[in-house]
């Protein structure tokens, strides 16, 4: 199971990469493997200010639909346009081309898990 040390994680299985006041967010390899083949990513929150733990979209797999939760408080400033036509990128490359949103942070990035804490959470 790939859990990059350079990223931070949430209990809701999102990963976060903070660069200055911009955070890139996606779902973890563990999450995409649990969901199975992803067929649709629905994110309609671009331009919205959301609080940590608010729902920013959904991901639809063959057998289920799962909510996506904001890891941090901020404004959704970019959506990954690749996922509109190629949602399978979330399965193929969850930490690369499968990223979902970019957030302009409103405050400090706090409350996230380290890679080792996330591994403990998922039992790896």
PDB file of N, CA and C in Angstrom:
ATOM      1  N   UNK A   1       0.848  -1.179   0.000  1.00  0.00           N
ATOM      2  CA  UNK A   1       0.000   0.000   0.000  1.00  0.00           C
ATOM      3  C   UNK A   1       0.895   1.244   0.000  1.00  0.00           C
ATOM      4  N   UNK A   2       0.692   2.106  -0.968  1.00  0.00           N
ATOM      5  CA  UNK A   2       1.487   3.323  -1.099  1.00  0.00           C
ATOM      6  C   UNK A   2       0.888   4.450  -0.250  1.00  0.00           C
ATOM      7  N   UNK A   3       1.644   4.885   0.752  1.00  0.00           N
ATOM      8  CA  UNK A   3       1.229   6.004   1.617  1.00  0.00           C
ATOM      9  C   UNK A   3       2.432   6.951   1.708  1.00  0.00           C
ATOM     10  N   UNK A   4       2.517   7.910   0.759  1.00  0.00           N
ATOM     11  CA  UNK A   4       3.693   8.781   0.718  1.00  0.00           C
ATOM     12  C   UNK A   4       3.925   9.555   2.019  1.00  0.00           C
ATOM     13  N   UNK A   5       5.176   9.540   2.458  1.00  0.00           N
ATOM     14  CA  UNK A   5       5.566  10.253   3.685  1.00  0.00           C
ATOM     15  C   UNK A   5       5.454  11.763   3.531  1.00  0.00           C
ATOM     16  N   UNK A   6       5.492  12.261   2.297  1.00  0.00           N
ATOM     17  CA  UNK A   6       5.486  13.704   2.047  1.00  0.00           C
ATOM     18  C   UNK A   6       4.100  14.333   2.122  1.00  0.00           C
ATOM     19  N   UNK A   7       3.074  13.514   2.256  1.00  0.00           N
ATOM     20  CA  UNK A   7       1.695  14.008   2.307  1.00  0.00           C
ATOM     21  C   UNK A   7       1.147  13.924   3.723  1.00  0.00           C
ATOM     22  N   UNK A   8       0.014  14.600   3.933  1.00  0.00           N
ATOM     23  CA  UNK A   8      -0.733  14.485   5.182  1.00  0.00           C
ATOM     24  C   UNK A   8      -2.088  13.872   4.840  1.00  0.00           C
ATOM     25  N   UNK A   9      -2.781  13.361   5.863  1.00  0.00           N
ATOM     26  CA  UNK A   9      -3.974  12.557   5.624  1.00  0.00           C
ATOM     27  C   UNK A   9      -5.097  12.924   6.590  1.00  0.00           C
ATOM     28  N   UNK A  10      -6.323  12.498   6.226  1.00  0.00           N
ATOM     29  CA  UNK A  10      -7.470  12.685   7.110  1.00  0.00           C
ATOM     30  C   UNK A  10      -8.038  11.330   7.490  1.00  0.00           C
ATOM     31  N   UNK A  11      -8.845  11.320   8.522  1.00  0.00           N
ATOM     32  CA  UNK A  11      -9.534  10.092   8.927  1.00  0.00           C
ATOM     33  C   UNK A  11     -10.572   9.674   7.892  1.00  0.00           C
ATOM     34  N   UNK A  12     -10.942  10.601   6.996  1.00  0.00           N
ATOM     35  CA  UNK A  12     -11.903  10.321   5.930  1.00  0.00           C
ATOM     36  C   UNK A  12     -11.225   9.829   4.658  1.00  0.00           C
ATOM     37  N   UNK A  13      -9.905   9.564   4.734  1.00  0.00           N
ATOM     38  CA  UNK A  13      -9.132   8.964   3.651  1.00  0.00           C
ATOM     39  C   UNK A  13      -8.839   9.910   2.490  1.00  0.00           C
ATOM     40  N   UNK A  14      -8.743  11.214   2.796  1.00  0.00           N
ATOM     41  CA  UNK A  14      -8.222  12.156   1.818  1.00  0.00           C
ATOM     42  C   UNK A  14      -6.745  12.397   2.118  1.00  0.00           C
ATOM     43  N   UNK A  15      -5.988  12.714   1.078  1.00  0.00           N
ATOM     44  CA  UNK A  15      -4.595  13.134   1.265  1.00  0.00           C
ATOM     45  C   UNK A  15      -4.506  14.617   0.951  1.00  0.00           C
ATOM     46  N   UNK A  16      -3.507  15.263   1.535  1.00  0.00           N
ATOM     47  CA  UNK A  16      -3.340  16.705   1.391  1.00  0.00           C
ATOM     48  C   UNK A  16      -1.861  17.012   1.174  1.00  0.00           C
ATOM     49  N   UNK A  17      -1.597  17.860   0.188  1.00  0.00           N
ATOM     50  CA  UNK A  17      -0.245  18.377  -0.029  1.00  0.00           C
ATOM     51  C   UNK A  17      -0.339  19.896   0.044  1.00  0.00           C
ATOM     52  N   UNK A  18       0.274  20.479   1.084  1.00  0.00           N
ATOM     53  CA  UNK A  18       0.220  21.925   1.293  1.00  0.00           C
ATOM     54  C   UNK A  18       1.463  22.565   0.688  1.00  0.00           C
ATOM     55  N   UNK A  19       1.231  23.594  -0.135  1.00  0.00           N
ATOM     56  CA  UNK A  19       2.310  24.373  -0.735  1.00  0.00           C
ATOM     57  C   UNK A  19       1.960  25.842  -0.557  1.00  0.00           C
ATOM     58  N   UNK A  20       2.545  26.468   0.470  1.00  0.00           N
ATOM     59  CA  UNK A  20       2.193  27.844   0.795  1.00  0.00           C
ATOM     60  C   UNK A  20       0.777  27.887   1.343  1.00  0.00           C
ATOM     61  N   UNK A  21      -0.102  28.678   0.691  1.00  0.00           N
ATOM     62  CA  UNK A  21      -1.494  28.738   1.148  1.00  0.00           C
ATOM     63  C   UNK A  21      -2.432  27.950   0.229  1.00  0.00           C
ATOM     64  N   UNK A  22      -1.865  27.073  -0.612  1.00  0.00           N
ATOM     65  CA  UNK A  22      -2.664  26.221  -1.501  1.00  0.00           C
ATOM     66  C   UNK A  22      -2.467  24.760  -1.093  1.00  0.00           C
ATOM     67  N   UNK A  23      -3.580  24.051  -0.963  1.00  0.00           N
ATOM     68  CA  UNK A  23      -3.536  22.622  -0.638  1.00  0.00           C
ATOM     69  C   UNK A  23      -4.161  21.833  -1.784  1.00  0.00           C
ATOM     70  N   UNK A  24      -3.435  20.834  -2.249  1.00  0.00           N
ATOM     71  CA  UNK A  24      -3.960  19.905  -3.249  1.00  0.00           C
ATOM     72  C   UNK A  24      -4.522  18.709  -2.491  1.00  0.00           C
ATOM     73  N   UNK A  25      -5.709  18.245  -2.921  1.00  0.00           N
ATOM     74  CA  UNK A  25      -6.432  17.199  -2.192  1.00  0.00           C
ATOM     75  C   UNK A  25      -6.865  16.091  -3.147  1.00  0.00           C
ATOM     76  N   UNK A  26      -6.772  14.860  -2.660  1.00  0.00           N
ATOM     77  CA  UNK A  26      -7.285  13.707  -3.391  1.00  0.00           C
ATOM     78  C   UNK A  26      -7.670  12.639  -2.390  1.00  0.00           C
ATOM     79  N   UNK A  27      -8.050  11.465  -2.895  1.00  0.00           N
ATOM     80  CA  UNK A  27      -8.324  10.353  -1.978  1.00  0.00           C
ATOM     81  C   UNK A  27      -7.135   9.403  -2.008  1.00  0.00           C
ATOM     82  N   UNK A  28      -6.945   8.697  -0.924  1.00  0.00           N
ATOM     83  CA  UNK A  28      -5.783   7.831  -0.775  1.00  0.00           C
ATOM     84  C   UNK A  28      -5.905   6.557  -1.617  1.00  0.00           C
ATOM     85  N   UNK A  29      -4.779   5.895  -1.787  1.00  0.00           N
ATOM     86  CA  UNK A  29      -4.772   4.611  -2.479  1.00  0.00           C
ATOM     87  C   UNK A  29      -5.678   3.619  -1.749  1.00  0.00           C
ATOM     88  N   UNK A  30      -5.645   3.662  -0.419  1.00  0.00           N
ATOM     89  CA  UNK A  30      -6.510   2.788   0.372  1.00  0.00           C
ATOM     90  C   UNK A  30      -7.983   3.048   0.040  1.00  0.00           C
ATOM     91  N   UNK A  31      -8.379   4.317  -0.002  1.00  0.00           N
ATOM     92  CA  UNK A  31      -9.781   4.664  -0.278  1.00  0.00           C
ATOM     93  C   UNK A  31     -10.213   4.200  -1.659  1.00  0.00           C
ATOM     94  N   UNK A  32      -9.390   4.469  -2.667  1.00  0.00           N
ATOM     95  CA  UNK A  32      -9.791   4.073  -4.023  1.00  0.00           C
ATOM     96  C   UNK A  32      -9.849   2.562  -4.151  1.00  0.00           C
ATOM     97  N   UNK A  33      -8.981   1.842  -3.428  1.00  0.00           N
ATOM     98  CA  UNK A  33      -9.025   0.382  -3.509  1.00  0.00           C
ATOM     99  C   UNK A  33     -10.275  -0.174  -2.835  1.00  0.00           C
ATOM    100  N   UNK A  34     -10.709   0.476  -1.757  1.00  0.00           N
ATOM    101  CA  UNK A  34     -11.942   0.060  -1.075  1.00  0.00           C
ATOM    102  C   UNK A  34     -13.174   0.338  -1.929  1.00  0.00           C
ATOM    103  N   UNK A  35     -13.156   1.459  -2.669  1.00  0.00           N
ATOM    104  CA  UNK A  35     -14.294   1.828  -3.510  1.00  0.00           C
ATOM    105  C   UNK A  35     -14.417   0.941  -4.739  1.00  0.00           C
ATOM    106  N   UNK A  36     -13.287   0.527  -5.292  1.00  0.00           N
ATOM    107  CA  UNK A  36     -13.303  -0.229  -6.540  1.00  0.00           C
ATOM    108  C   UNK A  36     -13.206   0.716  -7.727  1.00  0.00           C
ATOM    109  N   UNK A  37     -13.642   0.250  -8.891  1.00  0.00           N
ATOM    110  CA  UNK A  37     -13.506   1.028 -10.118  1.00  0.00           C
ATOM    111  C   UNK A  37     -14.354   2.294 -10.066  1.00  0.00           C
ATOM    112  N   UNK A  38     -13.689   3.432 -10.134  1.00  0.00           N
ATOM    113  CA  UNK A  38     -14.370   4.725 -10.070  1.00  0.00           C
ATOM    114  C   UNK A  38     -14.847   5.102 -11.465  1.00  0.00           C
ATOM    115  N   UNK A  39     -16.139   5.440 -11.567  1.00  0.00           N
ATOM    116  CA  UNK A  39     -16.739   5.733 -12.863  1.00  0.00           C
ATOM    117  C   UNK A  39     -17.152   7.195 -13.011  1.00  0.00           C
ATOM    118  N   UNK A  40     -17.201   7.944 -11.903  1.00  0.00           N
ATOM    119  CA  UNK A  40     -17.637   9.344 -11.994  1.00  0.00           C
ATOM    120  C   UNK A  40     -17.178  10.107 -10.762  1.00  0.00           C
ATOM    121  N   UNK A  41     -16.678  11.304 -10.976  1.00  0.00           N
ATOM    122  CA  UNK A  41     -16.311  12.201  -9.888  1.00  0.00           C
ATOM    123  C   UNK A  41     -17.150  13.456 -10.057  1.00  0.00           C
ATOM    124  N   UNK A  42     -17.940  13.804  -9.043  1.00  0.00           N
ATOM    125  CA  UNK A  42     -18.840  14.953  -9.103  1.00  0.00           C
ATOM    126  C   UNK A  42     -18.419  15.992  -8.071  1.00  0.00           C
ATOM    127  N   UNK A  43     -17.815  17.071  -8.560  1.00  0.00           N
ATOM    128  CA  UNK A  43     -17.395  18.159  -7.690  1.00  0.00           C
ATOM    129  C   UNK A  43     -17.903  19.457  -8.299  1.00  0.00           C
ATOM    130  N   UNK A  44     -18.837  20.103  -7.614  1.00  0.00           N
ATOM    131  CA  UNK A  44     -19.436  21.344  -8.117  1.00  0.00           C
ATOM    132  C   UNK A  44     -19.255  22.478  -7.107  1.00  0.00           C
ATOM    133  N   UNK A  45     -18.132  22.463  -6.399  1.00  0.00           N
ATOM    134  CA  UNK A  45     -17.924  23.445  -5.329  1.00  0.00           C
ATOM    135  C   UNK A  45     -16.849  24.476  -5.663  1.00  0.00           C
ATOM    136  N   UNK A  46     -16.412  24.542  -6.919  1.00  0.00           N
ATOM    137  CA  UNK A  46     -15.384  25.521  -7.285  1.00  0.00           C
ATOM    138  C   UNK A  46     -15.881  26.925  -6.959  1.00  0.00           C
ATOM    139  N   UNK A  47     -15.007  27.691  -6.300  1.00  0.00           N
ATOM    140  CA  UNK A  47     -15.343  29.055  -5.923  1.00  0.00           C
ATOM    141  C   UNK A  47     -16.029  29.182  -4.580  1.00  0.00           C
ATOM    142  N   UNK A  48     -16.354  28.063  -3.963  1.00  0.00           N
ATOM    143  CA  UNK A  48     -17.058  28.093  -2.676  1.00  0.00           C
ATOM    144  C   UNK A  48     -16.092  28.042  -1.502  1.00  0.00           C
ATOM    145  N   UNK A  49     -16.444  28.801  -0.462  1.00  0.00           N
ATOM    146  CA  UNK A  49     -15.730  28.731   0.805  1.00  0.00           C
ATOM    147  C   UNK A  49     -16.382  27.637   1.635  1.00  0.00           C
ATOM    148  N   UNK A  50     -15.588  26.659   2.047  1.00  0.00           N
ATOM    149  CA  UNK A  50     -16.104  25.541   2.820  1.00  0.00           C
ATOM    150  C   UNK A  50     -15.266  25.348   4.073  1.00  0.00           C
ATOM    151  N   UNK A  51     -15.919  24.813   5.088  1.00  0.00           N
ATOM    152  CA  UNK A  51     -15.220  24.513   6.338  1.00  0.00           C
ATOM    153  C   UNK A  51     -14.685  23.089   6.301  1.00  0.00           C
ATOM    154  N   UNK A  52     -13.675  22.835   7.126  1.00  0.00           N
ATOM    155  CA  UNK A  52     -13.164  21.476   7.265  1.00  0.00           C
ATOM    156  C   UNK A  52     -14.317  20.545   7.616  1.00  0.00           C
ATOM    157  N   UNK A  53     -14.354  19.396   6.997  1.00  0.00           N
ATOM    158  CA  UNK A  53     -15.355  18.332   7.178  1.00  0.00           C
ATOM    159  C   UNK A  53     -16.635  18.559   6.375  1.00  0.00           C
ATOM    160  N   UNK A  54     -16.778  19.714   5.687  1.00  0.00           N
ATOM    161  CA  UNK A  54     -17.908  19.895   4.780  1.00  0.00           C
ATOM    162  C   UNK A  54     -17.720  18.963   3.584  1.00  0.00           C
ATOM    163  N   UNK A  55     -18.804  18.578   2.949  1.00  0.00           N
ATOM    164  CA  UNK A  55     -18.737  17.753   1.743  1.00  0.00           C
ATOM    165  C   UNK A  55     -18.406  18.653   0.551  1.00  0.00           C
ATOM    166  N   UNK A  56     -17.356  18.283  -0.201  1.00  0.00           N
ATOM    167  CA  UNK A  56     -17.011  19.081  -1.382  1.00  0.00           C
ATOM    168  C   UNK A  56     -17.379  18.392  -2.687  1.00  0.00           C
ATOM    169  N   UNK A  57     -17.827  17.152  -2.618  1.00  0.00           N
ATOM    170  CA  UNK A  57     -18.216  16.433  -3.813  1.00  0.00           C
ATOM    171  C   UNK A  57     -18.479  14.975  -3.499  1.00  0.00           C
ATOM    172  N   UNK A  58     -18.650  14.196  -4.560  1.00  0.00           N
ATOM    173  CA  UNK A  58     -18.855  12.754  -4.402  1.00  0.00           C
ATOM    174  C   UNK A  58     -18.034  12.020  -5.449  1.00  0.00           C
ATOM    175  N   UNK A  59     -17.750  10.781  -5.133  1.00  0.00           N
ATOM    176  CA  UNK A  59     -17.087   9.897  -6.085  1.00  0.00           C
ATOM    177  C   UNK A  59     -17.965   8.660  -6.222  1.00  0.00           C
ATOM    178  N   UNK A  60     -18.214   8.275  -7.481  1.00  0.00           N
ATOM    179  CA  UNK A  60     -19.086   7.131  -7.747  1.00  0.00           C
ATOM    180  C   UNK A  60     -18.266   5.983  -8.303  1.00  0.00           C
ATOM    181  N   UNK A  61     -18.391   4.862  -7.625  1.00  0.00           N
ATOM    182  CA  UNK A  61     -17.761   3.632  -8.098  1.00  0.00           C
ATOM    183  C   UNK A  61     -18.858   2.725  -8.644  1.00  0.00           C
ATOM    184  N   UNK A  62     -18.480   1.583  -9.167  1.00  0.00           N
ATOM    185  CA  UNK A  62     -19.446   0.679  -9.785  1.00  0.00           C
ATOM    186  C   UNK A  62     -20.574   0.322  -8.826  1.00  0.00           C
ATOM    187  N   UNK A  63     -20.245   0.105  -7.541  1.00  0.00           N
ATOM    188  CA  UNK A  63     -21.255  -0.373  -6.598  1.00  0.00           C
ATOM    189  C   UNK A  63     -21.658   0.619  -5.510  1.00  0.00           C
ATOM    190  N   UNK A  64     -21.048   1.815  -5.458  1.00  0.00           N
ATOM    191  CA  UNK A  64     -21.338   2.722  -4.355  1.00  0.00           C
ATOM    192  C   UNK A  64     -21.043   4.171  -4.727  1.00  0.00           C
ATOM    193  N   UNK A  65     -21.585   5.086  -3.952  1.00  0.00           N
ATOM    194  CA  UNK A  65     -21.267   6.507  -4.054  1.00  0.00           C
ATOM    195  C   UNK A  65     -20.761   6.938  -2.688  1.00  0.00           C
ATOM    196  N   UNK A  66     -19.662   7.692  -2.682  1.00  0.00           N
ATOM    197  CA  UNK A  66     -19.058   8.107  -1.425  1.00  0.00           C
ATOM    198  C   UNK A  66     -18.853   9.621  -1.425  1.00  0.00           C
ATOM    199  N   UNK A  67     -19.163  10.253  -0.292  1.00  0.00           N
ATOM    200  CA  UNK A  67     -18.935  11.686  -0.142  1.00  0.00           C
ATOM    201  C   UNK A  67     -17.448  11.972  -0.002  1.00  0.00           C
ATOM    202  N   UNK A  68     -17.061  13.163  -0.440  1.00  0.00           N
ATOM    203  CA  UNK A  68     -15.698  13.659  -0.296  1.00  0.00           C
ATOM    204  C   UNK A  68     -15.727  14.817   0.688  1.00  0.00           C
ATOM    205  N   UNK A  69     -14.842  14.800   1.676  1.00  0.00           N
ATOM    206  CA  UNK A  69     -14.872  15.783   2.752  1.00  0.00           C
ATOM    207  C   UNK A  69     -13.675  16.724   2.689  1.00  0.00           C
ATOM    208  N   UNK A  70     -13.940  18.001   2.921  1.00  0.00           N
ATOM    209  CA  UNK A  70     -12.882  18.999   2.977  1.00  0.00           C
ATOM    210  C   UNK A  70     -11.940  18.662   4.131  1.00  0.00           C
ATOM    211  N   UNK A  71     -10.648  18.579   3.860  1.00  0.00           N
ATOM    212  CA  UNK A  71      -9.702  18.308   4.941  1.00  0.00           C
ATOM    213  C   UNK A  71      -9.368  19.554   5.754  1.00  0.00           C
ATOM    214  N   UNK A  72      -9.556  20.722   5.138  1.00  0.00           N
ATOM    215  CA  UNK A  72      -9.195  21.994   5.758  1.00  0.00           C
ATOM    216  C   UNK A  72     -10.204  23.057   5.355  1.00  0.00           C
ATOM    217  N   UNK A  73     -10.261  24.137   6.095  1.00  0.00           N
ATOM    218  CA  UNK A  73     -11.139  25.245   5.759  1.00  0.00           C
ATOM    219  C   UNK A  73     -10.493  26.099   4.677  1.00  0.00           C
ATOM    220  N   UNK A  74     -11.281  26.443   3.666  1.00  0.00           N
ATOM    221  CA  UNK A  74     -10.757  27.288   2.605  1.00  0.00           C
ATOM    222  C   UNK A  74     -11.689  27.354   1.419  1.00  0.00           C
ATOM    223  N   UNK A  75     -11.192  27.965   0.350  1.00  0.00           N
ATOM    224  CA  UNK A  75     -11.967  28.161  -0.874  1.00  0.00           C
ATOM    225  C   UNK A  75     -11.471  27.189  -1.941  1.00  0.00           C
ATOM    226  N   UNK A  76     -12.394  26.479  -2.568  1.00  0.00           N
ATOM    227  CA  UNK A  76     -12.050  25.576  -3.665  1.00  0.00           C
ATOM    228  C   UNK A  76     -11.725  26.440  -4.882  1.00  0.00           C
ATOM    229  N   UNK A  77     -10.456  26.432  -5.288  1.00  0.00           N
ATOM    230  CA  UNK A  77     -10.020  27.325  -6.371  1.00  0.00           C
ATOM    231  C   UNK A  77      -9.762  26.600  -7.688  1.00  0.00           C
ATOM    232  N   UNK A  78      -9.647  25.278  -7.636  1.00  0.00           N
ATOM    233  CA  UNK A  78      -9.397  24.535  -8.872  1.00  0.00           C
ATOM    234  C   UNK A  78      -9.912  23.115  -8.743  1.00  0.00           C
ATOM    235  N   UNK A  79     -10.480  22.617  -9.850  1.00  0.00           N
ATOM    236  CA  UNK A  79     -10.907  21.227  -9.957  1.00  0.00           C
ATOM    237  C   UNK A  79     -10.001  20.544 -10.972  1.00  0.00           C
ATOM    238  N   UNK A  80      -9.765  19.268 -10.796  1.00  0.00           N
ATOM    239  CA  UNK A  80      -8.950  18.521 -11.748  1.00  0.00           C
ATOM    240  C   UNK A  80      -9.811  18.170 -12.959  1.00  0.00           C
ATOM    241  N   UNK A  81      -9.633  18.918 -14.044  1.00  0.00           N
ATOM    242  CA  UNK A  81     -10.445  18.743 -15.248  1.00  0.00           C
ATOM    243  C   UNK A  81     -10.252  17.366 -15.888  1.00  0.00           C
ATOM    244  N   UNK A  82      -9.109  16.741 -15.674  1.00  0.00           N
ATOM    245  CA  UNK A  82      -8.842  15.407 -16.233  1.00  0.00           C
ATOM    246  C   UNK A  82      -9.907  14.410 -15.785  1.00  0.00           C
ATOM    247  N   UNK A  83     -10.383  14.561 -14.534  1.00  0.00           N
ATOM    248  CA  UNK A  83     -11.313  13.575 -13.974  1.00  0.00           C
ATOM    249  C   UNK A  83     -12.690  13.609 -14.613  1.00  0.00           C
ATOM    250  N   UNK A  84     -13.015  14.718 -15.277  1.00  0.00           N
ATOM    251  CA  UNK A  84     -14.320  14.812 -15.930  1.00  0.00           C
ATOM    252  C   UNK A  84     -14.489  13.726 -16.991  1.00  0.00           C
ATOM    253  N   UNK A  85     -13.447  13.514 -17.785  1.00  0.00           N
ATOM    254  CA  UNK A  85     -13.523  12.504 -18.844  1.00  0.00           C
ATOM    255  C   UNK A  85     -12.780  11.222 -18.494  1.00  0.00           C
ATOM    256  N   UNK A  86     -11.927  11.287 -17.459  1.00  0.00           N
ATOM    257  CA  UNK A  86     -11.113  10.130 -17.092  1.00  0.00           C
ATOM    258  C   UNK A  86     -11.133   9.892 -15.580  1.00  0.00           C
ATOM    259  N   UNK A  87     -12.299   9.572 -15.004  1.00  0.00           N
ATOM    260  CA  UNK A  87     -12.368   9.367 -13.555  1.00  0.00           C
ATOM    261  C   UNK A  87     -11.510   8.204 -13.066  1.00  0.00           C
ATOM    262  N   UNK A  88     -11.163   7.291 -13.973  1.00  0.00           N
ATOM    263  CA  UNK A  88     -10.333   6.145 -13.605  1.00  0.00           C
ATOM    264  C   UNK A  88      -8.932   6.567 -13.171  1.00  0.00           C
ATOM    265  N   UNK A  89      -8.544   7.815 -13.447  1.00  0.00           N
ATOM    266  CA  UNK A  89      -7.231   8.323 -12.995  1.00  0.00           C
ATOM    267  C   UNK A  89      -7.122   8.259 -11.471  1.00  0.00           C
ATOM    268  N   UNK A  90      -8.257   8.346 -10.770  1.00  0.00           N
ATOM    269  CA  UNK A  90      -8.240   8.240  -9.308  1.00  0.00           C
ATOM    270  C   UNK A  90      -7.762   6.853  -8.897  1.00  0.00           C
ATOM    271  N   UNK A  91      -8.174   5.811  -9.632  1.00  0.00           N
ATOM    272  CA  UNK A  91      -7.706   4.450  -9.360  1.00  0.00           C
ATOM    273  C   UNK A  91      -6.256   4.256  -9.799  1.00  0.00           C
ATOM    274  N   UNK A  92      -5.929   4.781 -10.961  1.00  0.00           N
ATOM    275  CA  UNK A  92      -4.618   4.528 -11.559  1.00  0.00           C
ATOM    276  C   UNK A  92      -3.496   5.306 -10.878  1.00  0.00           C
ATOM    277  N   UNK A  93      -3.769   6.539 -10.464  1.00  0.00           N
ATOM    278  CA  UNK A  93      -2.717   7.426  -9.957  1.00  0.00           C
ATOM    279  C   UNK A  93      -3.295   8.371  -8.898  1.00  0.00           C
ATOM    280  N   UNK A  94      -3.720   7.824  -7.737  1.00  0.00           N
ATOM    281  CA  UNK A  94      -4.418   8.661  -6.751  1.00  0.00           C
ATOM    282  C   UNK A  94      -3.596   9.828  -6.219  1.00  0.00           C
ATOM    283  N   UNK A  95      -2.272   9.701  -6.205  1.00  0.00           N
ATOM    284  CA  UNK A  95      -1.425  10.777  -5.663  1.00  0.00           C
ATOM    285  C   UNK A  95      -0.833  11.663  -6.752  1.00  0.00           C
ATOM    286  N   UNK A  96      -1.166  11.398  -7.995  1.00  0.00           N
ATOM    287  CA  UNK A  96      -0.645  12.178  -9.119  1.00  0.00           C
ATOM    288  C   UNK A  96      -1.783  12.764  -9.926  1.00  0.00           C
ATOM    289  N   UNK A  97      -1.993  12.206 -11.131  1.00  0.00           N
ATOM    290  CA  UNK A  97      -3.039  12.723 -12.026  1.00  0.00           C
ATOM    291  C   UNK A  97      -4.441  12.584 -11.455  1.00  0.00           C
ATOM    292  N   UNK A  98      -4.618  11.784 -10.405  1.00  0.00           N
ATOM    293  CA  UNK A  98      -5.936  11.569  -9.812  1.00  0.00           C
ATOM    294  C   UNK A  98      -6.302  12.542  -8.704  1.00  0.00           C
ATOM    295  N   UNK A  99      -5.518  13.625  -8.521  1.00  0.00           N
ATOM    296  CA  UNK A  99      -5.888  14.623  -7.506  1.00  0.00           C
ATOM    297  C   UNK A  99      -7.259  15.199  -7.852  1.00  0.00           C
ATOM    298  N   UNK A 100      -7.945  15.783  -6.864  1.00  0.00           N
ATOM    299  CA  UNK A 100      -9.321  16.232  -7.089  1.00  0.00           C
ATOM    300  C   UNK A 100      -9.510  17.742  -7.065  1.00  0.00           C
ATOM    301  N   UNK A 101      -9.050  18.392  -5.996  1.00  0.00           N
ATOM    302  CA  UNK A 101      -9.253  19.841  -5.886  1.00  0.00           C
ATOM    303  C   UNK A 101      -8.010  20.523  -5.343  1.00  0.00           C
ATOM    304  N   UNK A 102      -7.977  21.839  -5.547  1.00  0.00           N
ATOM    305  CA  UNK A 102      -6.993  22.693  -4.883  1.00  0.00           C
ATOM    306  C   UNK A 102      -7.772  23.709  -4.054  1.00  0.00           C
ATOM    307  N   UNK A 103      -7.286  23.913  -2.833  1.00  0.00           N
ATOM    308  CA  UNK A 103      -7.944  24.795  -1.868  1.00  0.00           C
ATOM    309  C   UNK A 103      -7.019  25.949  -1.530  1.00  0.00           C
ATOM    310  N   UNK A 104      -7.580  27.168  -1.539  1.00  0.00           N
ATOM    311  CA  UNK A 104      -6.868  28.312  -0.981  1.00  0.00           C
ATOM    312  C   UNK A 104      -7.209  28.327   0.502  1.00  0.00           C
ATOM    313  N   UNK A 105      -6.199  28.087   1.331  1.00  0.00           N
ATOM    314  CA  UNK A 105      -6.425  27.902   2.755  1.00  0.00           C
ATOM    315  C   UNK A 105      -6.861  29.175   3.456  1.00  0.00           C
ATOM    316  N   UNK A 106      -7.744  28.989   4.419  1.00  0.00           N
ATOM    317  CA  UNK A 106      -8.203  30.070   5.285  1.00  0.00           C
ATOM    318  C   UNK A 106      -7.728  29.710   6.691  1.00  0.00           C
ATOM    319  N   UNK A 107      -6.467  30.011   6.983  1.00  0.00           N
ATOM    320  CA  UNK A 107      -5.899  29.648   8.278  1.00  0.00           C
ATOM    321  C   UNK A 107      -4.860  28.557   8.129  1.00  0.00           C
ATOM    322  N   UNK A 108      -4.384  28.096   9.241  1.00  0.00           N
ATOM    323  CA  UNK A 108      -3.322  27.091   9.261  1.00  0.00           C
ATOM    324  C   UNK A 108      -3.850  25.704   8.898  1.00  0.00           C
ATOM    325  N   UNK A 109      -2.974  24.899   8.340  1.00  0.00           N
ATOM    326  CA  UNK A 109      -3.301  23.511   8.032  1.00  0.00           C
ATOM    327  C   UNK A 109      -3.086  22.690   9.301  1.00  0.00           C
ATOM    328  N   UNK A 110      -4.163  22.421  10.014  1.00  0.00           N
ATOM    329  CA  UNK A 110      -4.031  21.673  11.266  1.00  0.00           C
ATOM    330  C   UNK A 110      -5.020  20.517  11.306  1.00  0.00           C
ATOM    331  N   UNK A 111      -4.772  19.586  12.223  1.00  0.00           N
ATOM    332  CA  UNK A 111      -5.676  18.461  12.409  1.00  0.00           C
ATOM    333  C   UNK A 111      -5.473  17.322  11.431  1.00  0.00           C
ATOM    334  N   UNK A 112      -4.382  17.345  10.679  1.00  0.00           N
ATOM    335  CA  UNK A 112      -4.122  16.290   9.712  1.00  0.00           C
ATOM    336  C   UNK A 112      -3.225  15.217  10.316  1.00  0.00           C
ATOM    337  N   UNK A 113      -3.270  14.039   9.722  1.00  0.00           N
ATOM    338  CA  UNK A 113      -2.468  12.913  10.186  1.00  0.00           C
ATOM    339  C   UNK A 113      -1.177  12.808   9.377  1.00  0.00           C
ATOM    340  N   UNK A 114      -0.119  12.354  10.034  1.00  0.00           N
ATOM    341  CA  UNK A 114       1.119  12.027   9.328  1.00  0.00           C
ATOM    342  C   UNK A 114       0.914  10.685   8.615  1.00  0.00           C
ATOM    343  N   UNK A 115       1.870  10.330   7.750  1.00  0.00           N
ATOM    344  CA  UNK A 115       1.793   9.038   7.062  1.00  0.00           C
ATOM    345  C   UNK A 115       1.758   7.886   8.061  1.00  0.00           C
ATOM    346  N   UNK A 116       2.573   7.959   9.112  1.00  0.00           N
ATOM    347  CA  UNK A 116       2.598   6.863  10.090  1.00  0.00           C
ATOM    348  C   UNK A 116       1.282   6.791  10.866  1.00  0.00           C
ATOM    349  N   UNK A 117       0.695   7.936  11.182  1.00  0.00           N
ATOM    350  CA  UNK A 117      -0.605   7.936  11.872  1.00  0.00           C
ATOM    351  C   UNK A 117      -1.691   7.361  10.968  1.00  0.00           C
ATOM    352  N   UNK A 118      -1.641   7.698   9.673  1.00  0.00           N
ATOM    353  CA  UNK A 118      -2.632   7.173   8.739  1.00  0.00           C
ATOM    354  C   UNK A 118      -2.478   5.663   8.566  1.00  0.00           C
ATOM    355  N   UNK A 119      -1.242   5.186   8.476  1.00  0.00           N
ATOM    356  CA  UNK A 119      -0.994   3.748   8.382  1.00  0.00           C
ATOM    357  C   UNK A 119      -1.591   3.018   9.581  1.00  0.00           C
ATOM    358  N   UNK A 120      -1.430   3.607  10.752  1.00  0.00           N
ATOM    359  CA  UNK A 120      -2.001   3.020  11.966  1.00  0.00           C
ATOM    360  C   UNK A 120      -3.520   2.991  11.879  1.00  0.00           C
ATOM    361  N   UNK A 121      -4.118   4.083  11.376  1.00  0.00           N
ATOM    362  CA  UNK A 121      -5.581   4.171  11.238  1.00  0.00           C
ATOM    363  C   UNK A 121      -6.133   3.050  10.367  1.00  0.00           C
ATOM    364  N   UNK A 122      -5.449   2.760   9.257  1.00  0.00           N
ATOM    365  CA  UNK A 122      -5.960   1.741   8.326  1.00  0.00           C
ATOM    366  C   UNK A 122      -5.390   0.357   8.599  1.00  0.00           C
ATOM    367  N   UNK A 123      -4.563   0.236   9.616  1.00  0.00           N
ATOM    368  CA  UNK A 123      -4.026  -1.060   9.994  1.00  0.00           C
ATOM    369  C   UNK A 123      -2.951  -1.596   9.085  1.00  0.00           C
ATOM    370  N   UNK A 124      -2.144  -0.701   8.536  1.00  0.00           N
ATOM    371  CA  UNK A 124      -1.053  -1.113   7.623  1.00  0.00           C
ATOM    372  C   UNK A 124       0.295  -0.905   8.265  1.00  0.00           C
TER     373      UNK A 124
END
